[in-house]
Amino acid sequence: MSVPSDPEFNLQPPATFDTWIAAQDLAVKVLGGTDADPTHGALYYANLETVTSGWFHDNIVARHDLHPILLKQGHHTFFA
């Protein structure tokens, strides 16, 4: 979750960043139907140790009835 006043709002990794390139490749495969979605269809994700958005906490994290946790990977939690 980000807002335009966030200094990292338009942050883009450099084109040579291997993880970024791998993520782009995976996105193409998932959207093309050749690979499974590793997030199990998540609509939202966050590092719950660092998230500062009250809206995100109140409307996503605290609403397990609408947004159950689909996956925890590293420091990130993915929600439906």
PDB file of N, CA and C in Angstrom:
ATOM      1  N   MET A   1       0.857  -1.162   0.000  1.00  0.00           N
ATOM      2  CA  MET A   1       0.000   0.000   0.000  1.00  0.00           C
ATOM      3  C   MET A   1       0.896   1.214   0.000  1.00  0.00           C
ATOM      4  N   SER A   2       0.628   2.104  -0.879  1.00  0.00           N
ATOM      5  CA  SER A   2       1.455   3.291  -0.965  1.00  0.00           C
ATOM      6  C   SER A   2       0.594   4.471  -1.394  1.00  0.00           C
ATOM      7  N   VAL A   3       1.080   5.628  -1.127  1.00  0.00           N
ATOM      8  CA  VAL A   3       0.396   6.867  -1.509  1.00  0.00           C
ATOM      9  C   VAL A   3       1.392   7.747  -2.252  1.00  0.00           C
ATOM     10  N   PRO A   4       0.914   8.659  -3.098  1.00  0.00           N
ATOM     11  CA  PRO A   4       1.843   9.490  -3.878  1.00  0.00           C
ATOM     12  C   PRO A   4       2.855  10.267  -3.039  1.00  0.00           C
ATOM     13  N   SER A   5       2.557  10.584  -1.801  1.00  0.00           N
ATOM     14  CA  SER A   5       3.516  11.320  -0.971  1.00  0.00           C
ATOM     15  C   SER A   5       4.636  10.420  -0.429  1.00  0.00           C
ATOM     16  N   ASP A   6       4.502   9.108  -0.592  1.00  0.00           N
ATOM     17  CA  ASP A   6       5.540   8.169  -0.165  1.00  0.00           C
ATOM     18  C   ASP A   6       6.751   8.338  -1.084  1.00  0.00           C
ATOM     19  N   PRO A   7       7.951   8.567  -0.541  1.00  0.00           N
ATOM     20  CA  PRO A   7       9.125   8.752  -1.400  1.00  0.00           C
ATOM     21  C   PRO A   7       9.460   7.533  -2.256  1.00  0.00           C
ATOM     22  N   GLU A   8       8.916   6.373  -1.894  1.00  0.00           N
ATOM     23  CA  GLU A   8       9.171   5.170  -2.686  1.00  0.00           C
ATOM     24  C   GLU A   8       8.013   4.838  -3.627  1.00  0.00           C
ATOM     25  N   PHE A   9       7.058   5.755  -3.769  1.00  0.00           N
ATOM     26  CA  PHE A   9       5.865   5.508  -4.588  1.00  0.00           C
ATOM     27  C   PHE A   9       6.229   5.107  -6.012  1.00  0.00           C
ATOM     28  N   ASN A  10       7.151   5.802  -6.633  1.00  0.00           N
ATOM     29  CA  ASN A  10       7.540   5.515  -8.018  1.00  0.00           C
ATOM     30  C   ASN A  10       8.891   4.821  -8.108  1.00  0.00           C
ATOM     31  N   LEU A  11       9.336   4.234  -7.014  1.00  0.00           N
ATOM     32  CA  LEU A  11      10.626   3.563  -6.994  1.00  0.00           C
ATOM     33  C   LEU A  11      10.606   2.366  -7.935  1.00  0.00           C
ATOM     34  N   GLN A  12      11.571   2.299  -8.806  1.00  0.00           N
ATOM     35  CA  GLN A  12      11.702   1.187  -9.737  1.00  0.00           C
ATOM     36  C   GLN A  12      13.104   0.596  -9.587  1.00  0.00           C
ATOM     37  N   PRO A  13      13.207  -0.718  -9.499  1.00  0.00           N
ATOM     38  CA  PRO A  13      14.545  -1.320  -9.434  1.00  0.00           C
ATOM     39  C   PRO A  13      15.250  -1.193 -10.781  1.00  0.00           C
ATOM     40  N   PRO A  14      16.558  -1.206 -10.773  1.00  0.00           N
ATOM     41  CA  PRO A  14      17.289  -1.125 -12.040  1.00  0.00           C
ATOM     42  C   PRO A  14      17.017  -2.354 -12.906  1.00  0.00           C
ATOM     43  N   ALA A  15      17.121  -2.167 -14.199  1.00  0.00           N
ATOM     44  CA  ALA A  15      16.826  -3.250 -15.151  1.00  0.00           C
ATOM     45  C   ALA A  15      17.746  -4.449 -14.974  1.00  0.00           C
ATOM     46  N   THR A  16      18.894  -4.258 -14.378  1.00  0.00           N
ATOM     47  CA  THR A  16      19.835  -5.372 -14.196  1.00  0.00           C
ATOM     48  C   THR A  16      19.605  -6.120 -12.891  1.00  0.00           C
ATOM     49  N   PHE A  17      18.626  -5.720 -12.118  1.00  0.00           N
ATOM     50  CA  PHE A  17      18.349  -6.349 -10.829  1.00  0.00           C
ATOM     51  C   PHE A  17      17.752  -7.727 -11.081  1.00  0.00           C
ATOM     52  N   ASP A  18      18.486  -8.798 -10.777  1.00  0.00           N
ATOM     53  CA  ASP A  18      18.102 -10.167 -11.123  1.00  0.00           C
ATOM     54  C   ASP A  18      16.741 -10.581 -10.557  1.00  0.00           C
ATOM     55  N   THR A  19      16.460 -10.209  -9.314  1.00  0.00           N
ATOM     56  CA  THR A  19      15.188 -10.590  -8.705  1.00  0.00           C
ATOM     57  C   THR A  19      14.027  -9.933  -9.433  1.00  0.00           C
ATOM     58  N   TRP A  20      14.194  -8.680  -9.817  1.00  0.00           N
ATOM     59  CA  TRP A  20      13.149  -7.960 -10.553  1.00  0.00           C
ATOM     60  C   TRP A  20      12.888  -8.644 -11.897  1.00  0.00           C
ATOM     61  N   ILE A  21      13.930  -8.986 -12.582  1.00  0.00           N
ATOM     62  CA  ILE A  21      13.791  -9.654 -13.882  1.00  0.00           C
ATOM     63  C   ILE A  21      13.100 -11.005 -13.704  1.00  0.00           C
ATOM     64  N   ALA A  22      13.487 -11.763 -12.680  1.00  0.00           N
ATOM     65  CA  ALA A  22      12.852 -13.063 -12.420  1.00  0.00           C
ATOM     66  C   ALA A  22      11.371 -12.879 -12.102  1.00  0.00           C
ATOM     67  N   ALA A  23      11.028 -11.844 -11.331  1.00  0.00           N
ATOM     68  CA  ALA A  23       9.620 -11.581 -11.002  1.00  0.00           C
ATOM     69  C   ALA A  23       8.825 -11.225 -12.255  1.00  0.00           C
ATOM     70  N   GLN A  24       9.402 -10.432 -13.129  1.00  0.00           N
ATOM     71  CA  GLN A  24       8.723 -10.095 -14.386  1.00  0.00           C
ATOM     72  C   GLN A  24       8.509 -11.345 -15.233  1.00  0.00           C
ATOM     73  N   ASP A  25       9.518 -12.184 -15.318  1.00  0.00           N
ATOM     74  CA  ASP A  25       9.390 -13.429 -16.090  1.00  0.00           C
ATOM     75  C   ASP A  25       8.294 -14.325 -15.515  1.00  0.00           C
ATOM     76  N   LEU A  26       8.254 -14.452 -14.190  1.00  0.00           N
ATOM     77  CA  LEU A  26       7.220 -15.267 -13.552  1.00  0.00           C
ATOM     78  C   LEU A  26       5.833 -14.680 -13.810  1.00  0.00           C
ATOM     79  N   ALA A  27       5.706 -13.365 -13.723  1.00  0.00           N
ATOM     80  CA  ALA A  27       4.404 -12.720 -13.968  1.00  0.00           C
ATOM     81  C   ALA A  27       3.908 -13.024 -15.378  1.00  0.00           C
ATOM     82  N   VAL A  28       4.794 -12.976 -16.346  1.00  0.00           N
ATOM     83  CA  VAL A  28       4.408 -13.293 -17.728  1.00  0.00           C
ATOM     84  C   VAL A  28       3.920 -14.733 -17.827  1.00  0.00           C
ATOM     85  N   LYS A  29       4.608 -15.668 -17.166  1.00  0.00           N
ATOM     86  CA  LYS A  29       4.226 -17.077 -17.212  1.00  0.00           C
ATOM     87  C   LYS A  29       2.905 -17.331 -16.490  1.00  0.00           C
ATOM     88  N   VAL A  30       2.715 -16.691 -15.331  1.00  0.00           N
ATOM     89  CA  VAL A  30       1.466 -16.867 -14.582  1.00  0.00           C
ATOM     90  C   VAL A  30       0.299 -16.294 -15.375  1.00  0.00           C
ATOM     91  N   LEU A  31       0.461 -15.081 -15.877  1.00  0.00           N
ATOM     92  CA  LEU A  31      -0.621 -14.452 -16.641  1.00  0.00           C
ATOM     93  C   LEU A  31      -0.886 -15.179 -17.957  1.00  0.00           C
ATOM     94  N   GLY A  32       0.152 -15.813 -18.488  1.00  0.00           N
ATOM     95  CA  GLY A  32      -0.001 -16.581 -19.721  1.00  0.00           C
ATOM     96  C   GLY A  32      -0.532 -17.984 -19.494  1.00  0.00           C
ATOM     97  N   GLY A  33      -0.656 -18.394 -18.240  1.00  0.00           N
ATOM     98  CA  GLY A  33      -1.218 -19.700 -17.927  1.00  0.00           C
ATOM     99  C   GLY A  33      -0.236 -20.852 -17.982  1.00  0.00           C
ATOM    100  N   THR A  34       1.068 -20.563 -18.109  1.00  0.00           N
ATOM    101  CA  THR A  34       2.032 -21.663 -18.182  1.00  0.00           C
ATOM    102  C   THR A  34       2.621 -22.023 -16.818  1.00  0.00           C
ATOM    103  N   ASP A  35       2.473 -21.151 -15.810  1.00  0.00           N
ATOM    104  CA  ASP A  35       2.944 -21.439 -14.446  1.00  0.00           C
ATOM    105  C   ASP A  35       1.818 -21.154 -13.457  1.00  0.00           C
ATOM    106  N   ALA A  36       1.840 -21.860 -12.337  1.00  0.00           N
ATOM    107  CA  ALA A  36       0.851 -21.626 -11.276  1.00  0.00           C
ATOM    108  C   ALA A  36       1.181 -20.327 -10.545  1.00  0.00           C
ATOM    109  N   ASP A  37       0.167 -19.699 -10.014  1.00  0.00           N
ATOM    110  CA  ASP A  37       0.330 -18.468  -9.244  1.00  0.00           C
ATOM    111  C   ASP A  37       0.883 -18.814  -7.858  1.00  0.00           C
ATOM    112  N   PRO A  38       2.121 -18.427  -7.553  1.00  0.00           N
ATOM    113  CA  PRO A  38       2.700 -18.788  -6.259  1.00  0.00           C
ATOM    114  C   PRO A  38       2.042 -18.076  -5.076  1.00  0.00           C
ATOM    115  N   THR A  39       1.212 -17.048  -5.336  1.00  0.00           N
ATOM    116  CA  THR A  39       0.527 -16.342  -4.247  1.00  0.00           C
ATOM    117  C   THR A  39      -0.874 -16.889  -4.022  1.00  0.00           C
ATOM    118  N   HIS A  40      -1.255 -17.907  -4.775  1.00  0.00           N
ATOM    119  CA  HIS A  40      -2.576 -18.534  -4.660  1.00  0.00           C
ATOM    120  C   HIS A  40      -3.712 -17.530  -4.902  1.00  0.00           C
ATOM    121  N   GLY A  41      -3.475 -16.565  -5.781  1.00  0.00           N
ATOM    122  CA  GLY A  41      -4.512 -15.600  -6.136  1.00  0.00           C
ATOM    123  C   GLY A  41      -4.622 -14.413  -5.204  1.00  0.00           C
ATOM    124  N   ALA A  42      -3.590 -14.142  -4.430  1.00  0.00           N
ATOM    125  CA  ALA A  42      -3.641 -13.030  -3.476  1.00  0.00           C
ATOM    126  C   ALA A  42      -3.919 -11.704  -4.176  1.00  0.00           C
ATOM    127  N   LEU A  43      -4.714 -10.880  -3.506  1.00  0.00           N
ATOM    128  CA  LEU A  43      -4.985  -9.533  -3.995  1.00  0.00           C
ATOM    129  C   LEU A  43      -4.148  -8.494  -3.265  1.00  0.00           C
ATOM    130  N   TYR A  44      -3.726  -8.820  -2.041  1.00  0.00           N
ATOM    131  CA  TYR A  44      -2.967  -7.891  -1.209  1.00  0.00           C
ATOM    132  C   TYR A  44      -1.801  -8.632  -0.566  1.00  0.00           C
ATOM    133  N   TYR A  45      -0.737  -7.882  -0.278  1.00  0.00           N
ATOM    134  CA  TYR A  45       0.360  -8.456   0.492  1.00  0.00           C
ATOM    135  C   TYR A  45       1.031  -7.333   1.267  1.00  0.00           C
ATOM    136  N   ALA A  46       1.715  -7.714   2.342  1.00  0.00           N
ATOM    137  CA  ALA A  46       2.426  -6.725   3.138  1.00  0.00           C
ATOM    138  C   ALA A  46       3.428  -7.416   4.049  1.00  0.00           C
ATOM    139  N   ASN A  47       4.447  -6.683   4.426  1.00  0.00           N
ATOM    140  CA  ASN A  47       5.336  -7.087   5.499  1.00  0.00           C
ATOM    141  C   ASN A  47       4.677  -6.536   6.761  1.00  0.00           C
ATOM    142  N   LEU A  48       4.053  -7.380   7.541  1.00  0.00           N
ATOM    143  CA  LEU A  48       3.269  -6.933   8.684  1.00  0.00           C
ATOM    144  C   LEU A  48       4.130  -6.350   9.801  1.00  0.00           C
ATOM    145  N   GLU A  49       5.436  -6.543   9.720  1.00  0.00           N
ATOM    146  CA  GLU A  49       6.332  -5.934  10.706  1.00  0.00           C
ATOM    147  C   GLU A  49       6.582  -4.464  10.397  1.00  0.00           C
ATOM    148  N   THR A  50       6.343  -4.053   9.161  1.00  0.00           N
ATOM    149  CA  THR A  50       6.669  -2.678   8.773  1.00  0.00           C
ATOM    150  C   THR A  50       5.495  -1.887   8.217  1.00  0.00           C
ATOM    151  N   VAL A  51       4.352  -2.524   8.000  1.00  0.00           N
ATOM    152  CA  VAL A  51       3.217  -1.819   7.409  1.00  0.00           C
ATOM    153  C   VAL A  51       2.758  -0.701   8.351  1.00  0.00           C
ATOM    154  N   THR A  52       2.527   0.478   7.783  1.00  0.00           N
ATOM    155  CA  THR A  52       2.132   1.636   8.591  1.00  0.00           C
ATOM    156  C   THR A  52       0.737   2.144   8.249  1.00  0.00           C
ATOM    157  N   SER A  53       0.107   1.574   7.263  1.00  0.00           N
ATOM    158  CA  SER A  53      -1.208   2.047   6.836  1.00  0.00           C
ATOM    159  C   SER A  53      -2.296   1.543   7.782  1.00  0.00           C
ATOM    160  N   GLY A  54      -2.950   2.480   8.455  1.00  0.00           N
ATOM    161  CA  GLY A  54      -4.080   2.120   9.309  1.00  0.00           C
ATOM    162  C   GLY A  54      -5.205   1.524   8.498  1.00  0.00           C
ATOM    163  N   TRP A  55      -5.431   2.060   7.299  1.00  0.00           N
ATOM    164  CA  TRP A  55      -6.492   1.547   6.427  1.00  0.00           C
ATOM    165  C   TRP A  55      -6.215   0.083   6.100  1.00  0.00           C
ATOM    166  N   PHE A  56      -4.975  -0.239   5.739  1.00  0.00           N
ATOM    167  CA  PHE A  56      -4.638  -1.614   5.374  1.00  0.00           C
ATOM    168  C   PHE A  56      -4.880  -2.546   6.553  1.00  0.00           C
ATOM    169  N   HIS A  57      -4.448  -2.140   7.725  1.00  0.00           N
ATOM    170  CA  HIS A  57      -4.647  -2.985   8.906  1.00  0.00           C
ATOM    171  C   HIS A  57      -6.137  -3.180   9.190  1.00  0.00           C
ATOM    172  N   ASP A  58      -6.898  -2.101   9.201  1.00  0.00           N
ATOM    173  CA  ASP A  58      -8.321  -2.173   9.545  1.00  0.00           C
ATOM    174  C   ASP A  58      -9.149  -2.913   8.504  1.00  0.00           C
ATOM    175  N   ASN A  59      -8.810  -2.757   7.226  1.00  0.00           N
ATOM    176  CA  ASN A  59      -9.650  -3.296   6.152  1.00  0.00           C
ATOM    177  C   ASN A  59      -9.162  -4.593   5.532  1.00  0.00           C
ATOM    178  N   ILE A  60      -7.916  -4.928   5.711  1.00  0.00           N
ATOM    179  CA  ILE A  60      -7.377  -6.161   5.131  1.00  0.00           C
ATOM    180  C   ILE A  60      -6.933  -7.118   6.238  1.00  0.00           C
ATOM    181  N   VAL A  61      -5.971  -6.701   7.045  1.00  0.00           N
ATOM    182  CA  VAL A  61      -5.394  -7.581   8.063  1.00  0.00           C
ATOM    183  C   VAL A  61      -6.446  -8.027   9.076  1.00  0.00           C
ATOM    184  N   ALA A  62      -7.259  -7.103   9.547  1.00  0.00           N
ATOM    185  CA  ALA A  62      -8.233  -7.415  10.599  1.00  0.00           C
ATOM    186  C   ALA A  62      -9.516  -8.040  10.070  1.00  0.00           C
ATOM    187  N   ARG A  63      -9.690  -8.109   8.764  1.00  0.00           N
ATOM    188  CA  ARG A  63     -10.928  -8.635   8.182  1.00  0.00           C
ATOM    189  C   ARG A  63     -10.707 -10.023   7.593  1.00  0.00           C
ATOM    190  N   HIS A  64     -10.434 -10.992   8.472  1.00  0.00           N
ATOM    191  CA  HIS A  64     -10.190 -12.363   8.017  1.00  0.00           C
ATOM    192  C   HIS A  64     -11.402 -12.966   7.324  1.00  0.00           C
ATOM    193  N   ASP A  65     -12.599 -12.459   7.626  1.00  0.00           N
ATOM    194  CA  ASP A  65     -13.799 -12.960   6.962  1.00  0.00           C
ATOM    195  C   ASP A  65     -13.805 -12.604   5.479  1.00  0.00           C
ATOM    196  N   LEU A  66     -13.255 -11.441   5.128  1.00  0.00           N
ATOM    197  CA  LEU A  66     -13.209 -11.011   3.729  1.00  0.00           C
ATOM    198  C   LEU A  66     -11.858 -11.261   3.072  1.00  0.00           C
ATOM    199  N   HIS A  67     -10.791 -11.218   3.876  1.00  0.00           N
ATOM    200  CA  HIS A  67      -9.444 -11.318   3.327  1.00  0.00           C
ATOM    201  C   HIS A  67      -8.601 -12.316   4.124  1.00  0.00           C
ATOM    202  N   PRO A  68      -8.893 -13.615   3.978  1.00  0.00           N
ATOM    203  CA  PRO A  68      -8.103 -14.609   4.708  1.00  0.00           C
ATOM    204  C   PRO A  68      -6.655 -14.630   4.221  1.00  0.00           C
ATOM    205  N   ILE A  69      -5.778 -15.064   5.096  1.00  0.00           N
ATOM    206  CA  ILE A  69      -4.371 -15.218   4.733  1.00  0.00           C
ATOM    207  C   ILE A  69      -4.247 -16.434   3.816  1.00  0.00           C
ATOM    208  N   LEU A  70      -3.608 -16.236   2.673  1.00  0.00           N
ATOM    209  CA  LEU A  70      -3.413 -17.319   1.711  1.00  0.00           C
ATOM    210  C   LEU A  70      -2.020 -17.929   1.812  1.00  0.00           C
ATOM    211  N   LEU A  71      -1.058 -17.111   2.225  1.00  0.00           N
ATOM    212  CA  LEU A  71       0.332 -17.568   2.191  1.00  0.00           C
ATOM    213  C   LEU A  71       1.188 -16.640   3.041  1.00  0.00           C
ATOM    214  N   LYS A  72       2.161 -17.215   3.718  1.00  0.00           N
ATOM    215  CA  LYS A  72       3.213 -16.436   4.365  1.00  0.00           C
ATOM    216  C   LYS A  72       4.522 -16.879   3.738  1.00  0.00           C
ATOM    217  N   GLN A  73       5.243 -15.921   3.190  1.00  0.00           N
ATOM    218  CA  GLN A  73       6.510 -16.211   2.516  1.00  0.00           C
ATOM    219  C   GLN A  73       7.539 -15.215   3.014  1.00  0.00           C
ATOM    220  N   GLY A  74       8.525 -15.703   3.733  1.00  0.00           N
ATOM    221  CA  GLY A  74       9.520 -14.792   4.297  1.00  0.00           C
ATOM    222  C   GLY A  74       8.843 -13.830   5.259  1.00  0.00           C
ATOM    223  N   HIS A  75       9.050 -12.550   5.047  1.00  0.00           N
ATOM    224  CA  HIS A  75       8.449 -11.525   5.900  1.00  0.00           C
ATOM    225  C   HIS A  75       7.101 -11.054   5.370  1.00  0.00           C
ATOM    226  N   HIS A  76       6.634 -11.601   4.272  1.00  0.00           N
ATOM    227  CA  HIS A  76       5.414 -11.110   3.636  1.00  0.00           C
ATOM    228  C   HIS A  76       4.234 -12.047   3.860  1.00  0.00           C
ATOM    229  N   THR A  77       3.084 -11.428   4.063  1.00  0.00           N
ATOM    230  CA  THR A  77       1.835 -12.158   4.230  1.00  0.00           C
ATOM    231  C   THR A  77       0.925 -11.773   3.058  1.00  0.00           C
ATOM    232  N   PHE A  78       0.319 -12.766   2.423  1.00  0.00           N
ATOM    233  CA  PHE A  78      -0.524 -12.550   1.250  1.00  0.00           C
ATOM    234  C   PHE A  78      -1.980 -12.836   1.631  1.00  0.00           C
ATOM    235  N   PHE A  79      -2.873 -11.926   1.242  1.00  0.00           N
ATOM    236  CA  PHE A  79      -4.288 -11.988   1.595  1.00  0.00           C
ATOM    237  C   PHE A  79      -5.159 -12.083   0.351  1.00  0.00           C
ATOM    238  N   ALA A  80      -6.307 -12.761   0.503  1.00  0.00           N
ATOM    239  CA  ALA A  80      -7.289 -12.834  -0.576  1.00  0.00           C
ATOM    240  C   ALA A  80      -7.977 -11.494  -0.709  1.00  0.00           C
TER     241      ALA A  80
END
